[in-house]
Each structure stands twice: as C-alpha cells, then as structure tokens.
Amino acid sequence: MFNSEGSSPSLIKNQLYNLGFKATKGNYDFVYEWDEKNVSIEELIWFADKIHAALKHSNVFFQH
C-alpha cells in the first residue's frame, strides 16, 4: 500500500529491484524467487530484515 506522503512508487520499485525482486501482476506487485527449495526460517527472517531496512521511512506497507 502506498501513501501520498510516502516515497514514490518508482523509488520503492528501485529499492525492491536492488534486493532481487521482480515485478508481477495479480495479487502481489513484486515477488522474490528463491534459488533454493528449502529456505531456513533464519534466512527468511534475515531477508525480511533487509526488506524492512530498505523500506524504512518510506511510509509503505509490505506483506510476506
């Protein structure tokens, strides 16, 4: 969800692309494709922390 007082959608797109996300259509705007089938909980949390840091102060909401 974007906020008119937050970062622009193009800036958010660039931040997510830098993390390896790809744009998609449908229920989600961006997806991340894991190279491995069995990703550990620790890896998921580490990556969620990276997303959180990249989007901090941008006034957007993200779901995982």
N, C-alpha and C. Protein backbone atom coordinates (compact mmCIF):
# COMPACT_ATOMS: atom_id res chain seq x y z
N MET A 1 0.85 -1.18 0.00
CA MET A 1 0.00 0.00 0.00
C MET A 1 0.90 1.23 0.00
N PHE A 2 0.59 2.14 -0.88
CA PHE A 2 1.34 3.37 -0.95
C PHE A 2 0.59 4.48 -0.22
N ASN A 3 1.32 5.49 0.17
CA ASN A 3 0.79 6.63 0.90
C ASN A 3 1.24 7.87 0.16
N SER A 4 0.34 8.83 -0.08
CA SER A 4 0.72 10.03 -0.82
C SER A 4 1.78 10.86 -0.10
N GLU A 5 1.98 10.61 1.18
CA GLU A 5 3.01 11.31 1.94
C GLU A 5 4.31 10.52 2.01
N GLY A 6 4.32 9.36 1.40
CA GLY A 6 5.49 8.49 1.45
C GLY A 6 6.31 8.55 0.18
N SER A 7 7.21 7.60 0.04
CA SER A 7 8.07 7.51 -1.14
C SER A 7 7.25 7.18 -2.38
N SER A 8 7.76 7.60 -3.53
CA SER A 8 7.05 7.37 -4.78
C SER A 8 7.12 5.88 -5.15
N PRO A 9 6.13 5.41 -5.90
CA PRO A 9 6.17 4.01 -6.34
C PRO A 9 7.44 3.67 -7.13
N SER A 10 7.95 4.59 -7.93
CA SER A 10 9.17 4.29 -8.70
C SER A 10 10.38 4.12 -7.79
N LEU A 11 10.45 4.88 -6.70
CA LEU A 11 11.55 4.72 -5.76
C LEU A 11 11.45 3.37 -5.05
N ILE A 12 10.25 2.99 -4.64
CA ILE A 12 10.05 1.69 -4.00
C ILE A 12 10.42 0.57 -4.96
N LYS A 13 10.01 0.70 -6.22
CA LYS A 13 10.35 -0.30 -7.24
C LYS A 13 11.87 -0.47 -7.33
N ASN A 14 12.58 0.63 -7.37
CA ASN A 14 14.04 0.56 -7.47
C ASN A 14 14.66 -0.11 -6.24
N GLN A 15 14.15 0.20 -5.06
CA GLN A 15 14.67 -0.41 -3.84
C GLN A 15 14.44 -1.92 -3.85
N LEU A 16 13.26 -2.34 -4.28
CA LEU A 16 12.95 -3.77 -4.31
C LEU A 16 13.73 -4.48 -5.41
N TYR A 17 13.90 -3.84 -6.55
CA TYR A 17 14.72 -4.44 -7.61
C TYR A 17 16.15 -4.66 -7.12
N ASN A 18 16.67 -3.70 -6.36
CA ASN A 18 18.03 -3.83 -5.82
C ASN A 18 18.17 -5.02 -4.87
N LEU A 19 17.05 -5.45 -4.28
CA LEU A 19 17.06 -6.62 -3.39
C LEU A 19 16.83 -7.92 -4.16
N GLY A 20 16.55 -7.83 -5.45
CA GLY A 20 16.34 -9.03 -6.26
C GLY A 20 14.89 -9.35 -6.56
N PHE A 21 13.97 -8.47 -6.21
CA PHE A 21 12.56 -8.70 -6.50
C PHE A 21 12.29 -8.49 -7.98
N LYS A 22 11.19 -9.09 -8.45
CA LYS A 22 10.71 -8.89 -9.81
C LYS A 22 9.28 -8.38 -9.74
N ALA A 23 8.92 -7.50 -10.67
CA ALA A 23 7.54 -7.00 -10.73
C ALA A 23 6.63 -8.09 -11.28
N THR A 24 5.40 -8.08 -10.82
CA THR A 24 4.42 -9.07 -11.27
C THR A 24 3.04 -8.42 -11.30
N LYS A 25 2.11 -9.06 -11.94
CA LYS A 25 0.71 -8.62 -11.96
C LYS A 25 -0.10 -9.63 -11.17
N GLY A 26 -1.14 -9.17 -10.55
CA GLY A 26 -2.01 -10.07 -9.81
C GLY A 26 -2.15 -9.64 -8.37
N ASN A 27 -2.14 -10.62 -7.48
CA ASN A 27 -2.35 -10.33 -6.06
C ASN A 27 -1.19 -9.58 -5.42
N TYR A 28 0.00 -9.68 -6.01
CA TYR A 28 1.19 -9.04 -5.45
C TYR A 28 1.82 -8.15 -6.51
N ASP A 29 2.50 -7.11 -6.08
CA ASP A 29 3.18 -6.20 -7.01
C ASP A 29 4.59 -6.69 -7.33
N PHE A 30 5.24 -7.31 -6.34
CA PHE A 30 6.61 -7.78 -6.50
C PHE A 30 6.76 -9.15 -5.87
N VAL A 31 7.62 -9.97 -6.46
CA VAL A 31 7.89 -11.30 -5.91
C VAL A 31 9.40 -11.51 -5.86
N TYR A 32 9.81 -12.37 -4.95
CA TYR A 32 11.21 -12.76 -4.84
C TYR A 32 11.27 -14.26 -5.08
N GLU A 33 12.08 -14.67 -6.03
CA GLU A 33 12.20 -16.09 -6.35
C GLU A 33 13.46 -16.64 -5.70
N TRP A 34 13.26 -17.58 -4.77
CA TRP A 34 14.38 -18.18 -4.06
C TRP A 34 15.08 -19.20 -4.97
N ASP A 35 16.39 -19.24 -4.88
CA ASP A 35 17.17 -20.21 -5.65
C ASP A 35 17.02 -21.62 -5.09
N GLU A 36 16.75 -21.70 -3.81
CA GLU A 36 16.67 -23.00 -3.13
C GLU A 36 15.22 -23.34 -2.82
N LYS A 37 14.92 -24.62 -2.76
CA LYS A 37 13.58 -25.04 -2.37
C LYS A 37 13.38 -24.97 -0.87
N ASN A 38 14.42 -25.31 -0.13
CA ASN A 38 14.32 -25.36 1.32
C ASN A 38 15.08 -24.19 1.95
N VAL A 39 14.38 -23.09 2.14
CA VAL A 39 14.98 -21.91 2.75
C VAL A 39 14.68 -21.98 4.25
N SER A 40 15.69 -21.75 5.05
CA SER A 40 15.51 -21.84 6.50
C SER A 40 14.76 -20.62 7.04
N ILE A 41 14.18 -20.81 8.21
CA ILE A 41 13.48 -19.72 8.89
C ILE A 41 14.45 -18.56 9.13
N GLU A 42 15.68 -18.87 9.50
CA GLU A 42 16.68 -17.83 9.76
C GLU A 42 16.94 -16.99 8.51
N GLU A 43 17.02 -17.65 7.35
CA GLU A 43 17.22 -16.93 6.09
C GLU A 43 16.02 -16.04 5.77
N LEU A 44 14.83 -16.55 6.01
CA LEU A 44 13.63 -15.77 5.76
C LEU A 44 13.59 -14.52 6.64
N ILE A 45 13.91 -14.68 7.91
CA ILE A 45 13.91 -13.54 8.83
C ILE A 45 15.00 -12.55 8.45
N TRP A 46 16.18 -13.05 8.09
CA TRP A 46 17.28 -12.18 7.66
C TRP A 46 16.85 -11.35 6.45
N PHE A 47 16.19 -11.99 5.49
CA PHE A 47 15.75 -11.28 4.29
C PHE A 47 14.63 -10.29 4.61
N ALA A 48 13.71 -10.66 5.48
CA ALA A 48 12.66 -9.75 5.91
C ALA A 48 13.25 -8.52 6.58
N ASP A 49 14.32 -8.70 7.37
CA ASP A 49 15.01 -7.56 7.98
C ASP A 49 15.61 -6.64 6.92
N LYS A 50 16.16 -7.22 5.84
CA LYS A 50 16.73 -6.42 4.74
C LYS A 50 15.63 -5.60 4.05
N ILE A 51 14.48 -6.23 3.84
CA ILE A 51 13.35 -5.52 3.21
C ILE A 51 12.90 -4.39 4.13
N HIS A 52 12.77 -4.69 5.41
CA HIS A 52 12.36 -3.69 6.39
C HIS A 52 13.30 -2.50 6.37
N ALA A 53 14.60 -2.75 6.36
CA ALA A 53 15.60 -1.67 6.35
C ALA A 53 15.51 -0.85 5.06
N ALA A 54 15.31 -1.52 3.93
CA ALA A 54 15.23 -0.82 2.64
C ALA A 54 14.00 0.07 2.54
N LEU A 55 12.91 -0.34 3.17
CA LEU A 55 11.65 0.42 3.08
C LEU A 55 11.41 1.34 4.27
N LYS A 56 12.31 1.35 5.24
CA LYS A 56 12.14 2.17 6.43
C LYS A 56 11.98 3.64 6.05
N HIS A 57 11.06 4.31 6.69
CA HIS A 57 10.75 5.73 6.49
C HIS A 57 10.14 6.02 5.12
N SER A 58 9.67 5.01 4.41
CA SER A 58 9.07 5.24 3.09
C SER A 58 7.55 5.31 3.15
N ASN A 59 6.98 5.02 4.31
CA ASN A 59 5.53 5.03 4.51
C ASN A 59 4.79 4.09 3.56
N VAL A 60 5.33 2.89 3.38
CA VAL A 60 4.63 1.84 2.65
C VAL A 60 4.48 0.63 3.56
N PHE A 61 3.50 -0.18 3.26
CA PHE A 61 3.28 -1.43 3.99
C PHE A 61 3.69 -2.58 3.12
N PHE A 62 4.27 -3.61 3.72
CA PHE A 62 4.60 -4.79 2.94
C PHE A 62 4.16 -6.02 3.69
N GLN A 63 3.85 -7.05 2.92
CA GLN A 63 3.45 -8.34 3.47
C GLN A 63 4.41 -9.38 2.98
N HIS A 64 4.62 -10.39 3.80
CA HIS A 64 5.48 -11.50 3.38
C HIS A 64 4.69 -12.77 3.39
